[in-house]
Amino acid sequence: MTDDLSNLGLECSEDWVPFPLSGTLDLDHWATYQAKDLVERYERDGEKGNARLLTRDLKRAAADCRTRDPLGAFGWYVSGHQSVAAVLELDAIQPDDTYPEVSLALLTESMSARDFGEPDVRETRLPLGDAVRIRQNLVEERKRLLGPRPVIRTLFYGIRPATTDAAVTLLVSWTEPVLDEPLEGIVDGIAQTLSL
């Protein structure tokens, strides 16, 4: 089997902005130009965008994704909104001495949290391979000493492609409850497009 994941890809709408994750690309420069593109897209959609706020948010979101070093990351920018609505990260889990096989059962156990009861876990089949889909809400760490602990909403896919020993993972997170239903449908559609 091959462990080459360099051709890992997905298809998503222009609402999903790809974040630069590695290399020497200057985030300030990138965020400034990406914000300009978003303002233009918003205008085409009949909405207003604030380039200054979008620049700051793009830089923050991309920098946050860089701390986890995924294979790919995208931010969902809904026309008229000045901050990212959801973040999608694509990654892989390689087998090692502790876990010589990355199975769907292992993915389910390691990616399930019970902050709000049992997660919604479903085994499914995607074009890329057998998969587990986990929808759950998590409690995030406090941002301030006395502040509330925000609820993070997540949809995770762990896929076992036949061509590699690694598992491919797709994780989307958001905070607004009103996005639950539309995002689940959008992410389920994106998961169907994953390819190697």
C-alpha atoms as a PDB file:
ATOM      1  CA  MET A   1       0.000   0.000   0.000  1.00  0.00           C
ATOM      2  CA  THR A   2       1.054   3.561  -0.545  1.00  0.00           C
ATOM      3  CA  ASP A   3       1.075   6.277   2.078  1.00  0.00           C
ATOM      4  CA  ASP A   4       1.290   9.098  -0.477  1.00  0.00           C
ATOM      5  CA  LEU A   5      -1.452  11.559   0.393  1.00  0.00           C
ATOM      6  CA  SER A   6      -0.158  14.381  -1.829  1.00  0.00           C
ATOM      7  CA  ASN A   7      -3.097  13.984  -4.227  1.00  0.00           C
ATOM      8  CA  LEU A   8      -5.733  14.191  -1.495  1.00  0.00           C
ATOM      9  CA  GLY A   9      -8.456  16.512  -2.711  1.00  0.00           C
ATOM     10  CA  LEU A  10     -12.019  17.661  -2.284  1.00  0.00           C
ATOM     11  CA  GLU A  11     -14.549  19.834  -4.073  1.00  0.00           C
ATOM     12  CA  CYS A  12     -16.327  22.707  -2.380  1.00  0.00           C
ATOM     13  CA  SER A  13     -17.994  25.995  -3.317  1.00  0.00           C
ATOM     14  CA  GLU A  14     -16.206  29.349  -3.501  1.00  0.00           C
ATOM     15  CA  ASP A  15     -17.675  30.130  -0.058  1.00  0.00           C
ATOM     16  CA  TRP A  16     -14.868  27.945   1.338  1.00  0.00           C
ATOM     17  CA  VAL A  17     -11.621  29.930   1.370  1.00  0.00           C
ATOM     18  CA  PRO A  18      -8.442  27.791   1.350  1.00  0.00           C
ATOM     19  CA  PHE A  19      -6.044  28.788   4.134  1.00  0.00           C
ATOM     20  CA  PRO A  20      -2.269  28.868   3.507  1.00  0.00           C
ATOM     21  CA  LEU A  21      -0.777  26.434   5.994  1.00  0.00           C
ATOM     22  CA  SER A  22       2.951  26.192   5.479  1.00  0.00           C
ATOM     23  CA  GLY A  23       5.845  27.790   3.695  1.00  0.00           C
ATOM     24  CA  THR A  24       6.901  31.392   3.744  1.00  0.00           C
ATOM     25  CA  LEU A  25       3.644  33.003   2.607  1.00  0.00           C
ATOM     26  CA  ASP A  26       3.089  36.132   4.680  1.00  0.00           C
ATOM     27  CA  LEU A  27      -0.326  35.886   6.389  1.00  0.00           C
ATOM     28  CA  ASP A  28      -0.796  39.675   6.512  1.00  0.00           C
ATOM     29  CA  HIS A  29      -0.290  39.978   2.757  1.00  0.00           C
ATOM     30  CA  TRP A  30      -2.472  36.936   2.011  1.00  0.00           C
ATOM     31  CA  ALA A  31      -5.297  38.056   4.325  1.00  0.00           C
ATOM     32  CA  THR A  32      -5.369  41.558   2.812  1.00  0.00           C
ATOM     33  CA  TYR A  33      -5.794  40.254  -0.724  1.00  0.00           C
ATOM     34  CA  GLN A  34      -8.197  37.487   0.284  1.00  0.00           C
ATOM     35  CA  ALA A  35     -10.386  40.012   2.146  1.00  0.00           C
ATOM     36  CA  LYS A  36     -10.518  42.151  -1.014  1.00  0.00           C
ATOM     37  CA  ASP A  37     -11.720  39.091  -2.978  1.00  0.00           C
ATOM     38  CA  LEU A  38     -14.362  38.367  -0.336  1.00  0.00           C
ATOM     39  CA  VAL A  39     -15.644  41.960  -0.395  1.00  0.00           C
ATOM     40  CA  GLU A  40     -16.005  41.677  -4.188  1.00  0.00           C
ATOM     41  CA  ARG A  41     -17.841  38.341  -3.860  1.00  0.00           C
ATOM     42  CA  TYR A  42     -20.137  39.763  -1.196  1.00  0.00           C
ATOM     43  CA  GLU A  43     -20.949  42.716  -3.485  1.00  0.00           C
ATOM     44  CA  ARG A  44     -21.839  40.314  -6.327  1.00  0.00           C
ATOM     45  CA  ASP A  45     -24.196  38.600  -3.850  1.00  0.00           C
ATOM     46  CA  GLY A  46     -25.766  41.956  -2.910  1.00  0.00           C
ATOM     47  CA  GLU A  47     -24.120  42.068   0.533  1.00  0.00           C
ATOM     48  CA  LYS A  48     -21.550  44.356   2.146  1.00  0.00           C
ATOM     49  CA  GLY A  49     -18.130  43.265   3.353  1.00  0.00           C
ATOM     50  CA  ASN A  50     -15.719  45.080   5.636  1.00  0.00           C
ATOM     51  CA  ALA A  51     -12.177  44.511   4.309  1.00  0.00           C
ATOM     52  CA  ARG A  52     -10.526  45.500   7.603  1.00  0.00           C
ATOM     53  CA  LEU A  53     -12.590  43.092   9.707  1.00  0.00           C
ATOM     54  CA  LEU A  54     -12.286  40.304   7.135  1.00  0.00           C
ATOM     55  CA  THR A  55      -8.502  40.755   6.929  1.00  0.00           C
ATOM     56  CA  ARG A  56      -8.176  40.431  10.701  1.00  0.00           C
ATOM     57  CA  ASP A  57     -10.453  37.376  10.824  1.00  0.00           C
ATOM     58  CA  LEU A  58      -8.773  35.604   7.887  1.00  0.00           C
ATOM     59  CA  LYS A  59      -5.351  36.060   9.462  1.00  0.00           C
ATOM     60  CA  ARG A  60      -6.563  34.816  12.854  1.00  0.00           C
ATOM     61  CA  ALA A  61      -8.364  31.767  11.439  1.00  0.00           C
ATOM     62  CA  ALA A  62      -5.464  30.753   9.175  1.00  0.00           C
ATOM     63  CA  ALA A  63      -2.931  31.206  11.988  1.00  0.00           C
ATOM     64  CA  ASP A  64      -5.086  29.055  14.285  1.00  0.00           C
ATOM     65  CA  CYS A  65      -5.223  26.255  11.678  1.00  0.00           C
ATOM     66  CA  ARG A  66      -1.440  26.453  11.235  1.00  0.00           C
ATOM     67  CA  THR A  67      -1.003  25.537  14.926  1.00  0.00           C
ATOM     68  CA  ARG A  68      -2.514  22.091  14.204  1.00  0.00           C
ATOM     69  CA  ASP A  69      -0.591  21.590  10.932  1.00  0.00           C
ATOM     70  CA  PRO A  70      -3.352  19.819   8.953  1.00  0.00           C
ATOM     71  CA  LEU A  71      -2.915  18.723   5.334  1.00  0.00           C
ATOM     72  CA  GLY A  72      -5.491  21.309   4.267  1.00  0.00           C
ATOM     73  CA  ALA A  73      -7.825  23.858   5.830  1.00  0.00           C
ATOM     74  CA  PHE A  74     -10.693  26.038   4.632  1.00  0.00           C
ATOM     75  CA  GLY A  75     -12.871  28.737   6.169  1.00  0.00           C
ATOM     76  CA  TRP A  76     -16.567  29.071   5.271  1.00  0.00           C
ATOM     77  CA  TYR A  77     -17.310  32.751   4.665  1.00  0.00           C
ATOM     78  CA  VAL A  78     -21.009  33.450   4.215  1.00  0.00           C
ATOM     79  CA  SER A  79     -21.771  36.596   2.203  1.00  0.00           C
ATOM     80  CA  GLY A  80     -22.371  39.594   4.435  1.00  0.00           C
ATOM     81  CA  HIS A  81     -20.635  38.114   7.494  1.00  0.00           C
ATOM     82  CA  GLN A  82     -17.318  39.548   8.654  1.00  0.00           C
ATOM     83  CA  SER A  83     -15.974  36.413  10.334  1.00  0.00           C
ATOM     84  CA  VAL A  84     -15.567  32.764   9.472  1.00  0.00           C
ATOM     85  CA  ALA A  85     -18.747  30.724   9.999  1.00  0.00           C
ATOM     86  CA  ALA A  86     -17.033  27.306  10.041  1.00  0.00           C
ATOM     87  CA  VAL A  87     -13.571  25.810   9.631  1.00  0.00           C
ATOM     88  CA  LEU A  88     -12.831  22.611   7.708  1.00  0.00           C
ATOM     89  CA  GLU A  89      -9.575  20.723   8.281  1.00  0.00           C
ATOM     90  CA  LEU A  90      -8.332  17.768   6.287  1.00  0.00           C
ATOM     91  CA  ASP A  91      -5.693  15.504   7.777  1.00  0.00           C
ATOM     92  CA  ALA A  92      -4.431  11.934   7.982  1.00  0.00           C
ATOM     93  CA  ILE A  93      -3.695   9.532  10.812  1.00  0.00           C
ATOM     94  CA  GLN A  94      -0.806   7.178  10.094  1.00  0.00           C
ATOM     95  CA  PRO A  95      -0.428   3.766  11.750  1.00  0.00           C
ATOM     96  CA  ASP A  96       2.389   3.511  14.315  1.00  0.00           C
ATOM     97  CA  ASP A  97       3.844   1.039  16.829  1.00  0.00           C
ATOM     98  CA  THR A  98       1.011   1.669  19.296  1.00  0.00           C
ATOM     99  CA  TYR A  99      -1.733   1.398  16.648  1.00  0.00           C
ATOM    100  CA  PRO A 100      -0.465  -0.674  13.698  1.00  0.00           C
ATOM    101  CA  GLU A 101      -3.915  -0.423  12.087  1.00  0.00           C
ATOM    102  CA  VAL A 102      -6.043   2.717  12.046  1.00  0.00           C
ATOM    103  CA  SER A 103      -9.507   1.167  12.046  1.00  0.00           C
ATOM    104  CA  LEU A 104     -12.935   2.795  12.014  1.00  0.00           C
ATOM    105  CA  ALA A 105     -13.437   1.509  15.581  1.00  0.00           C
ATOM    106  CA  LEU A 106     -10.228   3.228  16.692  1.00  0.00           C
ATOM    107  CA  LEU A 107     -11.283   6.471  14.977  1.00  0.00           C
ATOM    108  CA  THR A 108     -14.704   6.296  16.616  1.00  0.00           C
ATOM    109  CA  GLU A 109     -13.232   5.738  20.064  1.00  0.00           C
ATOM    110  CA  SER A 110     -10.536   8.418  19.801  1.00  0.00           C
ATOM    111  CA  MET A 111     -12.725  11.096  18.184  1.00  0.00           C
ATOM    112  CA  SER A 112     -15.876  10.684  20.299  1.00  0.00           C
ATOM    113  CA  ALA A 113     -16.575  12.988  23.215  1.00  0.00           C
ATOM    114  CA  ARG A 114     -19.455  12.830  25.638  1.00  0.00           C
ATOM    115  CA  ASP A 115     -19.658  16.456  26.762  1.00  0.00           C
ATOM    116  CA  PHE A 116     -23.385  16.488  25.880  1.00  0.00           C
ATOM    117  CA  GLY A 117     -24.273  12.788  25.964  1.00  0.00           C
ATOM    118  CA  GLU A 118     -23.592  10.218  23.304  1.00  0.00           C
ATOM    119  CA  PRO A 119     -22.390  11.514  19.927  1.00  0.00           C
ATOM    120  CA  ASP A 120     -24.284  10.647  16.736  1.00  0.00           C
ATOM    121  CA  VAL A 121     -22.023   7.958  15.214  1.00  0.00           C
ATOM    122  CA  ARG A 122     -22.776   6.373  11.844  1.00  0.00           C
ATOM    123  CA  GLU A 123     -20.728   4.048   9.701  1.00  0.00           C
ATOM    124  CA  THR A 124     -21.072   4.811   6.010  1.00  0.00           C
ATOM    125  CA  ARG A 125     -19.458   4.241   2.646  1.00  0.00           C
ATOM    126  CA  LEU A 126     -17.925   7.111   0.677  1.00  0.00           C
ATOM    127  CA  PRO A 127     -16.361   6.951  -2.793  1.00  0.00           C
ATOM    128  CA  LEU A 128     -12.938   7.177  -1.053  1.00  0.00           C
ATOM    129  CA  GLY A 129     -13.658   4.198   1.250  1.00  0.00           C
ATOM    130  CA  ASP A 130     -15.407   2.963   4.372  1.00  0.00           C
ATOM    131  CA  ALA A 131     -15.999   5.786   6.826  1.00  0.00           C
ATOM    132  CA  VAL A 132     -17.310   6.768  10.216  1.00  0.00           C
ATOM    133  CA  ARG A 133     -19.338   9.990  10.618  1.00  0.00           C
ATOM    134  CA  ILE A 134     -19.476  11.583  14.072  1.00  0.00           C
ATOM    135  CA  ARG A 135     -21.681  14.592  14.863  1.00  0.00           C
ATOM    136  CA  GLN A 136     -21.233  16.030  18.342  1.00  0.00           C
ATOM    137  CA  ASN A 137     -20.987  19.177  20.425  1.00  0.00           C
ATOM    138  CA  LEU A 138     -17.940  19.863  22.601  1.00  0.00           C
ATOM    139  CA  VAL A 139     -17.204  22.280  25.414  1.00  0.00           C
ATOM    140  CA  GLU A 140     -14.231  24.514  24.580  1.00  0.00           C
ATOM    141  CA  GLU A 141     -11.791  25.915  27.108  1.00  0.00           C
ATOM    142  CA  ARG A 142     -12.643  29.306  28.566  1.00  0.00           C
ATOM    143  CA  LYS A 143     -11.271  32.226  26.583  1.00  0.00           C
ATOM    144  CA  ARG A 144     -11.181  34.403  29.729  1.00  0.00           C
ATOM    145  CA  LEU A 145     -10.659  33.455  33.354  1.00  0.00           C
ATOM    146  CA  LEU A 146     -14.278  34.086  34.350  1.00  0.00           C
ATOM    147  CA  GLY A 147     -15.980  33.832  30.962  1.00  0.00           C
ATOM    148  CA  PRO A 148     -18.326  31.121  29.753  1.00  0.00           C
ATOM    149  CA  ARG A 149     -17.067  27.951  28.100  1.00  0.00           C
ATOM    150  CA  PRO A 150     -18.225  28.119  24.457  1.00  0.00           C
ATOM    151  CA  VAL A 151     -19.902  25.158  22.765  1.00  0.00           C
ATOM    152  CA  ILE A 152     -18.140  23.956  19.622  1.00  0.00           C
ATOM    153  CA  ARG A 153     -20.266  22.024  17.157  1.00  0.00           C
ATOM    154  CA  THR A 154     -18.403  19.464  15.031  1.00  0.00           C
ATOM    155  CA  LEU A 155     -18.898  17.018  12.210  1.00  0.00           C
ATOM    156  CA  PHE A 156     -16.067  14.521  11.752  1.00  0.00           C
ATOM    157  CA  TYR A 157     -15.441  11.974   9.025  1.00  0.00           C
ATOM    158  CA  GLY A 158     -12.755   9.303   9.332  1.00  0.00           C
ATOM    159  CA  ILE A 159     -12.214   7.417   6.071  1.00  0.00           C
ATOM    160  CA  ARG A 160     -10.175   4.281   5.367  1.00  0.00           C
ATOM    161  CA  PRO A 161      -9.130   4.427   1.699  1.00  0.00           C
ATOM    162  CA  ALA A 162      -8.192   1.098   0.134  1.00  0.00           C
ATOM    163  CA  THR A 163      -4.973   2.544  -1.312  1.00  0.00           C
ATOM    164  CA  THR A 164      -3.270   3.571   1.946  1.00  0.00           C
ATOM    165  CA  ASP A 165      -2.697   2.346   5.494  1.00  0.00           C
ATOM    166  CA  ALA A 166      -3.523   5.830   6.786  1.00  0.00           C
ATOM    167  CA  ALA A 167      -6.948   7.148   7.650  1.00  0.00           C
ATOM    168  CA  VAL A 168      -8.080  10.397   6.056  1.00  0.00           C
ATOM    169  CA  THR A 169      -9.932  12.745   8.388  1.00  0.00           C
ATOM    170  CA  LEU A 170     -12.243  15.664   7.694  1.00  0.00           C
ATOM    171  CA  LEU A 171     -13.313  17.817  10.628  1.00  0.00           C
ATOM    172  CA  VAL A 172     -15.636  20.812  10.418  1.00  0.00           C
ATOM    173  CA  SER A 173     -16.308  22.995  13.463  1.00  0.00           C
ATOM    174  CA  TRP A 174     -18.621  25.949  14.081  1.00  0.00           C
ATOM    175  CA  THR A 175     -20.330  27.726  16.982  1.00  0.00           C
ATOM    176  CA  GLU A 176     -23.715  28.997  15.731  1.00  0.00           C
ATOM    177  CA  PRO A 177     -26.582  26.491  16.335  1.00  0.00           C
ATOM    178  CA  VAL A 178     -28.553  27.922  13.393  1.00  0.00           C
ATOM    179  CA  LEU A 179     -25.873  26.499  11.068  1.00  0.00           C
ATOM    180  CA  ASP A 180     -26.298  22.897  12.243  1.00  0.00           C
ATOM    181  CA  GLU A 181     -28.715  21.690   9.576  1.00  0.00           C
ATOM    182  CA  PRO A 182     -27.319  23.521   6.525  1.00  0.00           C
ATOM    183  CA  LEU A 183     -23.708  22.746   7.428  1.00  0.00           C
ATOM    184  CA  GLU A 184     -24.349  19.054   7.980  1.00  0.00           C
ATOM    185  CA  GLY A 185     -25.795  18.814   4.462  1.00  0.00           C
ATOM    186  CA  ILE A 186     -22.927  20.816   2.963  1.00  0.00           C
ATOM    187  CA  VAL A 187     -20.245  18.780   4.750  1.00  0.00           C
ATOM    188  CA  ASP A 188     -21.910  15.466   3.845  1.00  0.00           C
ATOM    189  CA  GLY A 189     -21.738  16.621   0.217  1.00  0.00           C
ATOM    190  CA  ILE A 190     -18.063  17.617   0.504  1.00  0.00           C
ATOM    191  CA  ALA A 191     -17.207  14.253   2.078  1.00  0.00           C
ATOM    192  CA  GLN A 192     -18.619  12.546  -1.031  1.00  0.00           C
ATOM    193  CA  THR A 193     -16.044  14.397  -3.174  1.00  0.00           C
ATOM    194  CA  LEU A 194     -12.921  13.364  -1.234  1.00  0.00           C
ATOM    195  CA  SER A 195     -10.418  11.699  -3.540  1.00  0.00           C
ATOM    196  CA  LEU A 196      -6.875  10.372  -3.576  1.00  0.00           C
END
